[in-house]
């Protein structure tokens, strides 16, 4: 039977106190998943029948790989009496502990785990999960009798959907192996590279990494050295709350006191030197996203003329899944947009992507509801370039037009940081992610300062 001897890296991981969450982040081949499995083994051995670990991956095939490696490890620790049941994805340990392994690939995937007590949550390859809220929902299952510390252990490599989030929240400015706080929880980042794994043939493994990366030198460096300072997985790598968050105190209103934190004002007036409008991307099964935008035609405080201020949004997305729409018909969306415009003192005009498959033009429906929009400029690459230029200006504070986004634009903040490049066309955004907010923002930056004229056929420009 195979004998498991922890590497020095894995031994160091096991020494971290159990009341700390762990992020096992770094290059490939460092032994992170095995370190997480060893933590699971210690947990079930220590807490026995009260132990209920849950390990999740983003796909069924990946979950099977975890299953096989964990069964091998547990078989060495418990030569007799181990009961792995692939049908219900549960491993029953002779001491009464039960380990469940499953996949989390959608907002509804967590339902099969609802109502079950979990004492240890292990999202393996967390960076590949498309929406981190899917894993966040599982944390509600973390509960245990007194004396058992509740814990989450994540493993992750650079790249993937959550690259930007992990880098900004857990990597940047964090000292390895030192505790830090995130949302009231204490974490420890435990990085590794292939050099921490003495069981690997390093030269052969490097050749395989090169083959897997193709010509992506940045990704190879990240996987080889555990370097998270790459743009891989983040098309809008310039975006950060530090440089691009718009506070209410920075809005060019004549009665700023009218706004309470998180509120939408009613009957406010914009100062001279502003142009306000809406920009939206239509969806039915997918979300509709409408942005409420102000462009400065004159400088205001520290914000240069020409800057774009996203002051609010309406996003018809399922709260549990950023890629699923609520099915609002066009008239309901238009009424909501007009009402929000009224509160903000914005004339209901702007740009909106039309929809295929409706009995009549989406723009015609909007026009009957009092929302006067025209088709946007749909040039993708130039639109993305304009957004990135505005973001770069705000980061550099170079007195050129900025892009600033209010915290009210929750969908935009939630989705933009995780959008990826098209692997075949690096200057374009991959269309496989939740790009509805990004599309609305692209339409906003290309909307001209003009009063929309109402035509008998709204498709006329």
Protein backbone atom coordinates (compact mmCIF):
# COMPACT_ATOMS: atom_id res chain seq x y z
CA UNK A 1 0.00 0.00 0.00
CA UNK A 2 1.28 3.47 -0.88
CA UNK A 3 2.83 5.37 2.02
CA UNK A 4 2.19 9.13 2.26
CA UNK A 5 4.98 11.23 3.71
CA UNK A 6 4.16 14.96 3.89
CA UNK A 7 6.62 17.29 2.18
CA UNK A 8 8.15 20.14 4.22
CA UNK A 9 5.60 22.49 2.61
CA UNK A 10 2.69 20.22 3.57
CA UNK A 11 4.04 19.89 7.11
CA UNK A 12 4.15 23.68 7.40
CA UNK A 13 0.53 23.89 6.22
CA UNK A 14 -0.48 21.39 8.91
CA UNK A 15 1.17 23.58 11.56
CA UNK A 16 -1.14 26.55 10.88
CA UNK A 17 -3.73 26.75 13.72
CA UNK A 18 -7.09 25.24 12.81
CA UNK A 19 -9.01 28.41 13.66
CA UNK A 20 -7.43 30.11 10.60
CA UNK A 21 -8.79 29.70 7.07
CA UNK A 22 -6.18 28.70 4.50
CA UNK A 23 -5.47 29.83 0.95
CA UNK A 24 -3.04 27.39 -0.63
CA UNK A 25 -2.02 29.54 -3.59
CA UNK A 26 0.99 29.37 -5.85
CA UNK A 27 2.42 27.68 -8.90
CA UNK A 28 1.43 24.29 -10.20
CA UNK A 29 2.91 21.09 -8.82
CA UNK A 30 3.57 22.39 -5.31
CA UNK A 31 1.44 19.78 -3.57
CA UNK A 32 -1.40 22.11 -2.57
CA UNK A 33 -4.27 19.67 -3.16
CA UNK A 34 -2.47 16.94 -1.24
CA UNK A 35 -1.85 19.41 1.59
CA UNK A 36 -5.60 20.13 1.67
CA UNK A 37 -6.33 16.37 1.70
CA UNK A 38 -3.92 15.93 4.61
CA UNK A 39 -5.83 18.64 6.49
CA UNK A 40 -9.04 16.69 5.79
CA UNK A 41 -7.41 13.48 7.08
CA UNK A 42 -6.30 15.17 10.30
CA UNK A 43 -9.77 16.69 10.71
CA UNK A 44 -11.60 13.34 10.45
CA UNK A 45 -9.07 11.59 12.68
CA UNK A 46 -9.28 14.30 15.35
CA UNK A 47 -13.05 14.87 15.42
CA UNK A 48 -14.14 11.39 14.32
CA UNK A 49 -17.93 10.90 14.05
CA UNK A 50 -18.56 14.63 14.36
CA UNK A 51 -16.41 15.43 11.30
CA UNK A 52 -18.28 16.31 8.09
CA UNK A 53 -15.83 17.75 5.51
CA UNK A 54 -17.15 18.90 2.12
CA UNK A 55 -14.77 19.14 -0.85
CA UNK A 56 -15.99 20.81 -4.06
CA UNK A 57 -14.60 21.30 -7.56
CA UNK A 58 -15.91 23.18 -10.59
CA UNK A 59 -16.52 20.09 -12.73
CA UNK A 60 -17.50 16.44 -12.29
CA UNK A 61 -14.27 15.19 -13.87
CA UNK A 62 -12.16 17.32 -11.54
CA UNK A 63 -14.20 16.11 -8.55
CA UNK A 64 -13.47 12.52 -9.60
CA UNK A 65 -9.73 13.24 -9.54
CA UNK A 66 -10.03 14.55 -5.98
CA UNK A 67 -12.07 11.48 -5.07
CA UNK A 68 -9.38 9.10 -6.32
CA UNK A 69 -6.48 10.87 -4.60
CA UNK A 70 -8.38 11.17 -1.30
CA UNK A 71 -9.43 7.51 -1.33
CA UNK A 72 -5.76 6.54 -1.82
CA UNK A 73 -4.73 8.72 1.14
CA UNK A 74 -7.50 7.46 3.42
CA UNK A 75 -6.88 3.83 2.46
CA UNK A 76 -3.31 4.20 3.71
CA UNK A 77 -4.56 5.69 6.99
CA UNK A 78 -7.48 3.25 7.41
CA UNK A 79 -6.48 -0.08 5.81
CA UNK A 80 -9.77 -1.68 6.88
CA UNK A 81 -13.32 -0.47 7.05
CA UNK A 82 -13.16 2.49 4.63
CA UNK A 83 -16.44 2.75 2.66
CA UNK A 84 -16.22 4.97 -0.42
CA UNK A 85 -19.57 5.21 -2.23
CA UNK A 86 -19.22 6.88 -5.61
CA UNK A 87 -23.01 6.82 -6.09
CA UNK A 88 -23.68 9.38 -3.36
CA UNK A 89 -20.12 10.82 -3.48
CA UNK A 90 -19.55 10.12 0.22
CA UNK A 91 -16.55 8.44 1.86
CA UNK A 92 -17.43 6.86 5.20
CA UNK A 93 -14.48 6.52 7.55
CA UNK A 94 -14.39 3.68 10.12
CA UNK A 95 -14.45 6.17 13.02
CA UNK A 96 -17.84 7.54 11.89
CA UNK A 97 -16.64 10.60 9.96
CA UNK A 98 -18.16 11.27 6.53
CA UNK A 99 -16.48 13.14 3.68
CA UNK A 100 -18.56 14.40 0.75
CA UNK A 101 -17.10 15.39 -2.62
CA UNK A 102 -19.11 17.25 -5.25
CA UNK A 103 -19.11 19.79 -8.04
CA UNK A 104 -20.16 23.44 -7.95
CA UNK A 105 -20.67 24.60 -11.53
CA UNK A 106 -23.81 26.73 -11.25
CA UNK A 107 -25.87 28.77 -8.82
CA UNK A 108 -28.23 25.83 -8.28
CA UNK A 109 -25.48 23.25 -7.68
CA UNK A 110 -25.31 24.14 -4.00
CA UNK A 111 -28.91 23.00 -3.48
CA UNK A 112 -27.85 19.38 -3.23
CA UNK A 113 -25.77 20.33 -0.18
CA UNK A 114 -28.45 22.41 1.56
CA UNK A 115 -29.45 21.36 5.05
CA UNK A 116 -26.31 19.31 5.59
CA UNK A 117 -23.89 20.09 8.37
CA UNK A 118 -20.35 20.84 7.20
CA UNK A 119 -17.44 21.13 9.60
CA UNK A 120 -14.71 21.77 7.01
CA UNK A 121 -15.24 23.36 3.56
CA UNK A 122 -12.57 22.75 0.91
CA UNK A 123 -13.09 24.47 -2.49
CA UNK A 124 -10.26 22.91 -4.51
CA UNK A 125 -9.01 24.98 -7.49
CA UNK A 126 -11.11 27.90 -6.29
CA UNK A 127 -9.74 30.14 -9.06
CA UNK A 128 -11.62 28.13 -11.71
CA UNK A 129 -15.07 28.71 -10.19
CA UNK A 130 -16.99 31.10 -12.47
CA UNK A 131 -18.86 32.89 -9.68
CA UNK A 132 -17.42 32.92 -6.16
CA UNK A 133 -20.89 33.36 -4.68
CA UNK A 134 -21.60 29.73 -5.56
CA UNK A 135 -18.98 28.73 -3.01
CA UNK A 136 -20.03 31.51 -0.64
CA UNK A 137 -23.50 29.99 -0.39
CA UNK A 138 -21.96 26.78 0.94
CA UNK A 139 -20.50 28.61 3.93
CA UNK A 140 -24.01 28.71 5.39
CA UNK A 141 -23.63 24.95 5.94
CA UNK A 142 -20.59 25.43 8.20
CA UNK A 143 -21.75 24.52 11.67
CA UNK A 144 -20.45 22.13 14.29
CA UNK A 145 -20.65 21.21 17.98
CA UNK A 146 -18.61 23.28 20.41
CA UNK A 147 -14.91 22.52 20.25
CA UNK A 148 -14.70 21.94 16.50
CA UNK A 149 -13.25 24.99 14.68
CA UNK A 150 -15.14 25.82 11.47
CA UNK A 151 -12.73 26.31 8.63
CA UNK A 152 -12.41 26.90 4.88
CA UNK A 153 -9.39 25.77 2.88
CA UNK A 154 -9.02 27.00 -0.71
CA UNK A 155 -6.45 25.90 -3.25
CA UNK A 156 -5.76 28.03 -6.32
CA UNK A 157 -3.31 28.57 -9.15
CA UNK A 158 -2.77 31.88 -10.99
CA UNK A 159 -5.17 32.40 -13.90
CA UNK A 160 -8.86 31.52 -14.11
CA UNK A 161 -12.07 33.35 -13.36
CA UNK A 162 -11.14 34.37 -9.80
CA UNK A 163 -7.56 35.47 -10.53
CA UNK A 164 -8.23 39.18 -10.08
CA UNK A 165 -10.28 38.66 -6.90
CA UNK A 166 -7.73 36.37 -5.27
CA UNK A 167 -4.85 38.65 -6.22
CA UNK A 168 -6.44 41.82 -4.86
CA UNK A 169 -7.96 40.22 -1.74
CA UNK A 170 -5.54 37.50 -0.67
CA UNK A 171 -2.20 37.99 -2.45
CA UNK A 172 -1.37 41.67 -2.98
CA UNK A 173 0.05 43.22 0.18
CA UNK A 174 -0.30 39.99 2.18
CA UNK A 175 2.78 38.47 3.80
CA UNK A 176 2.99 34.70 3.21
CA UNK A 177 2.26 32.55 6.26
CA UNK A 178 1.04 35.58 8.27
CA UNK A 179 -2.61 35.97 9.42
CA UNK A 180 -4.79 38.68 7.83
CA UNK A 181 -8.46 39.62 7.97
CA UNK A 182 -11.03 39.39 5.14
CA UNK A 183 -14.71 40.08 5.89
CA UNK A 184 -14.27 39.33 9.56
CA UNK A 185 -12.45 36.01 9.02
CA UNK A 186 -8.77 35.29 9.59
CA UNK A 187 -6.84 33.81 6.70
CA UNK A 188 -3.30 32.61 6.08
CA UNK A 189 -1.82 32.51 2.58
CA UNK A 190 0.41 29.43 2.14
CA UNK A 191 2.19 29.73 -1.24
CA UNK A 192 4.15 26.98 -2.96
CA UNK A 193 5.82 26.14 -6.26
CA UNK A 194 6.93 22.90 -7.88
CA UNK A 195 10.27 23.34 -6.10
CA UNK A 196 8.48 22.62 -2.83
CA UNK A 197 7.58 19.15 -4.11
CA UNK A 198 10.52 16.73 -3.95
CA UNK A 199 8.42 13.98 -5.54
CA UNK A 200 8.37 15.73 -8.95
CA UNK A 201 10.82 15.41 -11.80
CA UNK A 202 11.12 19.20 -12.11
CA UNK A 203 12.58 19.32 -15.62
CA UNK A 204 9.94 16.97 -17.03
CA UNK A 205 7.18 18.87 -15.25
CA UNK A 206 8.43 22.21 -16.63
CA UNK A 207 8.30 20.78 -20.16
CA UNK A 208 4.68 19.72 -19.57
CA UNK A 209 3.82 23.15 -18.21
CA UNK A 210 5.30 24.79 -21.30
CA UNK A 211 3.22 22.53 -23.53
CA UNK A 212 0.05 23.31 -21.55
CA UNK A 213 0.65 27.08 -21.75
CA UNK A 214 1.31 27.20 -25.47
CA UNK A 215 2.90 30.58 -26.22
CA UNK A 216 1.54 32.30 -23.13
CA UNK A 217 4.80 33.23 -21.40
CA UNK A 218 3.06 35.13 -18.62
CA UNK A 219 0.92 32.14 -17.71
CA UNK A 220 3.97 29.84 -17.75
CA UNK A 221 5.83 32.18 -15.41
CA UNK A 222 2.81 32.26 -13.11
CA UNK A 223 2.47 28.48 -13.01
CA UNK A 224 6.23 27.94 -12.66
CA UNK A 225 7.01 30.64 -10.10
CA UNK A 226 3.61 31.17 -8.49
CA UNK A 227 3.63 34.77 -9.74
CA UNK A 228 0.14 36.32 -9.46
CA UNK A 229 1.20 39.68 -10.92
CA UNK A 230 -0.10 38.94 -14.40
CA UNK A 231 -3.13 40.15 -16.33
CA UNK A 232 -4.21 36.62 -17.09
CA UNK A 233 -7.89 36.21 -16.22
CA UNK A 234 -8.51 39.95 -15.82
CA UNK A 235 -9.30 41.90 -18.98
CA UNK A 236 -9.87 45.04 -16.90
CA UNK A 237 -6.82 44.59 -14.69
CA UNK A 238 -6.66 48.38 -14.20
CA UNK A 239 -9.95 48.43 -12.26
CA UNK A 240 -9.73 48.90 -8.49
CA UNK A 241 -11.92 50.42 -5.80
CA UNK A 242 -8.98 52.55 -4.68
CA UNK A 243 -8.84 54.43 -7.98
CA UNK A 244 -12.28 54.07 -9.55
CA UNK A 245 -14.88 54.11 -6.77
CA UNK A 246 -17.19 57.14 -7.07
CA UNK A 247 -18.34 58.61 -3.75
CA UNK A 248 -21.55 60.62 -3.44
CA UNK A 249 -19.50 63.58 -2.22
CA UNK A 250 -17.88 63.70 -5.67
CA UNK A 251 -21.15 63.95 -7.62
CA UNK A 252 -21.73 67.34 -9.31
CA UNK A 253 -25.11 68.03 -7.67
CA UNK A 254 -26.31 71.35 -6.33
CA UNK A 255 -27.82 69.64 -3.25
CA UNK A 256 -25.41 66.87 -2.26
CA UNK A 257 -26.97 66.68 1.21
CA UNK A 258 -30.07 65.19 -0.40
CA UNK A 259 -28.29 61.84 -0.79
CA UNK A 260 -28.14 59.41 2.08
CA UNK A 261 -25.60 56.55 1.94
CA UNK A 262 -26.92 53.90 -0.45
CA UNK A 263 -30.01 55.92 -1.36
CA UNK A 264 -31.28 57.10 -4.73
CA UNK A 265 -32.08 60.83 -4.58
CA UNK A 266 -35.36 62.31 -5.75
CA UNK A 267 -35.60 65.55 -7.69
CA UNK A 268 -31.90 66.45 -7.57
CA UNK A 269 -30.45 68.88 -10.10
CA UNK A 270 -27.13 68.54 -11.88
CA UNK A 271 -24.77 71.47 -12.08
CA UNK A 272 -24.04 73.12 -15.39
CA UNK A 273 -21.38 71.35 -17.38
CA UNK A 274 -22.86 67.84 -17.18
CA UNK A 275 -24.63 65.57 -19.65
CA UNK A 276 -26.63 62.63 -18.32
CA UNK A 277 -28.03 59.58 -20.11
CA UNK A 278 -28.56 55.81 -19.86
CA UNK A 279 -26.81 52.94 -21.62
CA UNK A 280 -28.08 49.39 -21.58
CA UNK A 281 -27.69 45.81 -22.75
CA UNK A 282 -30.94 43.87 -23.18
CA UNK A 283 -31.50 40.32 -21.98
CA UNK A 284 -34.40 38.04 -21.12
CA UNK A 285 -32.92 34.67 -20.17
CA UNK A 286 -29.69 36.59 -19.62
CA UNK A 287 -29.71 39.72 -17.44
CA UNK A 288 -30.51 43.20 -18.72
CA UNK A 289 -28.08 45.80 -17.41
CA UNK A 290 -28.82 49.54 -17.57
CA UNK A 291 -26.26 52.11 -16.44
CA UNK A 292 -27.15 55.66 -15.41
CA UNK A 293 -24.31 57.85 -16.55
CA UNK A 294 -23.12 61.45 -16.21
CA UNK A 295 -20.41 62.89 -18.45
CA UNK A 296 -18.65 66.07 -17.33
CA UNK A 297 -18.30 68.67 -20.05
CA UNK A 298 -16.40 70.87 -17.58
CA UNK A 299 -13.99 69.96 -14.77
CA UNK A 300 -15.55 69.37 -11.35
CA UNK A 301 -13.43 69.35 -8.18
CA UNK A 302 -10.59 66.89 -8.89
CA UNK A 303 -12.36 65.19 -11.82
CA UNK A 304 -11.32 66.33 -15.35
CA UNK A 305 -13.71 67.37 -18.11
CA UNK A 306 -14.82 64.47 -20.28
CA UNK A 307 -14.90 62.03 -17.36
CA UNK A 308 -17.63 59.38 -17.26
CA UNK A 309 -19.44 58.85 -13.94
CA UNK A 310 -21.56 55.70 -13.57
CA UNK A 311 -23.91 56.79 -10.79
CA UNK A 312 -26.38 53.87 -10.65
CA UNK A 313 -27.58 50.72 -12.41
CA UNK A 314 -30.52 48.40 -12.87
CA UNK A 315 -29.49 44.75 -13.36
CA UNK A 316 -32.16 42.08 -13.77
CA UNK A 317 -29.86 39.26 -12.66
CA UNK A 318 -30.72 36.34 -10.43
CA UNK A 319 -29.20 37.13 -7.00
CA UNK A 320 -27.48 33.74 -7.04
CA UNK A 321 -26.24 33.71 -10.63
CA UNK A 322 -24.85 36.71 -12.53
CA UNK A 323 -25.56 35.03 -15.88
CA UNK A 324 -29.26 34.30 -15.36
CA UNK A 325 -31.91 36.95 -16.01
CA UNK A 326 -35.17 37.46 -14.17
CA UNK A 327 -37.22 37.45 -17.37
CA UNK A 328 -38.42 41.06 -17.23
CA UNK A 329 -40.40 42.04 -20.37
CA UNK A 330 -39.25 45.21 -22.18
CA UNK A 331 -42.10 47.36 -20.84
CA UNK A 332 -41.31 46.48 -17.21
CA UNK A 333 -37.63 47.30 -17.71
CA UNK A 334 -38.44 50.58 -19.49
CA UNK A 335 -40.82 51.66 -16.71
CA UNK A 336 -38.16 50.93 -14.09
CA UNK A 337 -35.54 52.88 -16.05
CA UNK A 338 -37.82 55.90 -16.54
CA UNK A 339 -38.69 55.93 -12.83
CA UNK A 340 -35.00 55.79 -11.86
CA UNK A 341 -34.24 58.58 -14.35
CA UNK A 342 -36.94 60.68 -12.71
CA UNK A 343 -35.36 60.22 -9.29
CA UNK A 344 -31.92 61.12 -10.58
CA UNK A 345 -33.12 64.06 -12.64
CA UNK A 346 -31.91 62.44 -15.85
CA UNK A 347 -33.69 62.88 -19.18
CA UNK A 348 -34.64 59.28 -20.28
CA UNK A 349 -32.37 59.08 -23.30
CA UNK A 350 -29.25 57.29 -24.42
CA UNK A 351 -28.12 54.08 -26.14
CA UNK A 352 -29.50 50.57 -25.89
CA UNK A 353 -28.73 47.34 -27.67
CA UNK A 354 -31.73 46.09 -29.62
CA UNK A 355 -33.08 42.56 -29.25
CA UNK A 356 -33.69 39.84 -31.79
CA UNK A 357 -36.71 37.59 -31.52
CA UNK A 358 -39.23 40.20 -30.34
CA UNK A 359 -42.38 40.89 -32.34
CA UNK A 360 -41.37 44.54 -32.62
CA UNK A 361 -38.25 46.57 -32.11
CA UNK A 362 -37.16 46.84 -28.50
CA UNK A 363 -36.54 50.52 -29.15
CA UNK A 364 -40.16 50.97 -30.23
CA UNK A 365 -41.40 49.40 -26.97
CA UNK A 366 -39.09 51.68 -24.99
CA UNK A 367 -40.26 54.75 -26.90
CA UNK A 368 -43.92 54.03 -26.06
CA UNK A 369 -42.89 53.86 -22.39
CA UNK A 370 -41.10 57.23 -22.54
CA UNK A 371 -37.53 55.93 -22.86
CA UNK A 372 -35.87 57.44 -25.93
CA UNK A 373 -32.79 55.49 -26.99
CA UNK A 374 -30.89 54.76 -30.17
CA UNK A 375 -28.71 51.85 -31.20
CA UNK A 376 -25.17 52.03 -29.78
CA UNK A 377 -21.84 51.92 -31.51
CA UNK A 378 -21.09 48.19 -31.29
CA UNK A 379 -17.40 48.26 -32.23
CA UNK A 380 -16.00 45.90 -29.61
CA UNK A 381 -12.24 46.39 -29.66
CA UNK A 382 -12.31 50.17 -29.90
CA UNK A 383 -14.96 50.30 -27.16
CA UNK A 384 -12.87 48.16 -24.80
CA UNK A 385 -9.83 50.30 -25.58
CA UNK A 386 -11.77 53.44 -24.63
CA UNK A 387 -12.81 51.91 -21.29
CA UNK A 388 -9.27 50.81 -20.51
CA UNK A 389 -7.91 54.26 -21.37
CA UNK A 390 -10.39 55.92 -18.98
CA UNK A 391 -9.48 53.42 -16.24
CA UNK A 392 -5.76 54.02 -16.78
CA UNK A 393 -6.25 57.80 -16.61
CA UNK A 394 -8.06 57.51 -13.27
CA UNK A 395 -5.34 55.27 -11.87
CA UNK A 396 -2.58 57.63 -12.99
CA UNK A 397 -4.53 60.82 -12.10
CA UNK A 398 -3.07 62.39 -15.26
CA UNK A 399 -5.84 65.02 -15.65
CA UNK A 400 -7.27 63.26 -18.68
CA UNK A 401 -10.89 61.94 -18.61
CA UNK A 402 -11.55 59.31 -15.91
CA UNK A 403 -14.03 56.47 -15.49
CA UNK A 404 -15.50 56.39 -11.97
CA UNK A 405 -18.18 53.93 -10.79
CA UNK A 406 -20.57 54.27 -7.85
CA UNK A 407 -20.95 51.38 -5.39
CA UNK A 408 -24.63 51.38 -6.47
CA UNK A 409 -23.47 49.67 -9.67
CA UNK A 410 -23.17 46.37 -7.82
CA UNK A 411 -23.46 44.13 -10.89
CA UNK A 412 -20.71 46.07 -12.64
CA UNK A 413 -18.35 45.81 -9.67
CA UNK A 414 -19.20 42.15 -9.24
CA UNK A 415 -18.55 41.07 -12.83
CA UNK A 416 -15.96 43.40 -14.41
CA UNK A 417 -12.94 42.24 -12.33
CA UNK A 418 -13.43 38.58 -13.35
CA UNK A 419 -13.86 38.98 -17.12
CA UNK A 420 -11.17 37.35 -19.25
CA UNK A 421 -9.46 38.01 -22.54
CA UNK A 422 -10.42 36.07 -25.63
CA UNK A 423 -7.56 33.53 -25.87
CA UNK A 424 -7.62 33.74 -29.68
CA UNK A 425 -7.92 37.54 -29.81
CA UNK A 426 -6.21 39.11 -26.79
CA UNK A 427 -7.43 42.64 -27.58
CA UNK A 428 -11.06 41.47 -27.25
CA UNK A 429 -13.09 40.31 -24.26
CA UNK A 430 -14.08 36.67 -23.99
CA UNK A 431 -17.83 36.29 -24.52
CA UNK A 432 -18.03 33.19 -22.31
CA UNK A 433 -18.32 35.18 -19.08
CA UNK A 434 -20.97 37.51 -17.61
CA UNK A 435 -20.21 40.41 -19.98
CA UNK A 436 -23.63 42.13 -19.90
CA UNK A 437 -22.46 44.94 -17.61
CA UNK A 438 -19.28 45.34 -19.66
CA UNK A 439 -21.34 45.67 -22.85
CA UNK A 440 -23.53 48.35 -21.25
CA UNK A 441 -20.39 50.20 -20.17
CA UNK A 442 -18.97 49.94 -23.70
CA UNK A 443 -22.15 51.50 -25.07
CA UNK A 444 -21.88 54.26 -22.44
CA UNK A 445 -18.37 55.34 -23.43
CA UNK A 446 -19.41 55.59 -27.10
CA UNK A 447 -22.71 57.46 -26.51
CA UNK A 448 -22.39 61.00 -27.91
CA UNK A 449 -23.54 64.13 -26.07
CA UNK A 450 -26.79 64.84 -27.89
CA UNK A 451 -30.49 65.02 -27.34
CA UNK A 452 -32.10 61.87 -28.76
CA UNK A 453 -34.49 62.65 -31.57
CA UNK A 454 -37.63 60.55 -31.69
CA UNK A 455 -38.13 59.00 -35.11
CA UNK A 456 -41.15 57.05 -36.35
CA UNK A 457 -38.71 54.16 -36.75
CA UNK A 458 -36.39 54.11 -33.72
CA UNK A 459 -33.79 52.17 -35.67
CA UNK A 460 -32.98 55.38 -37.58
CA UNK A 461 -29.85 57.01 -36.30
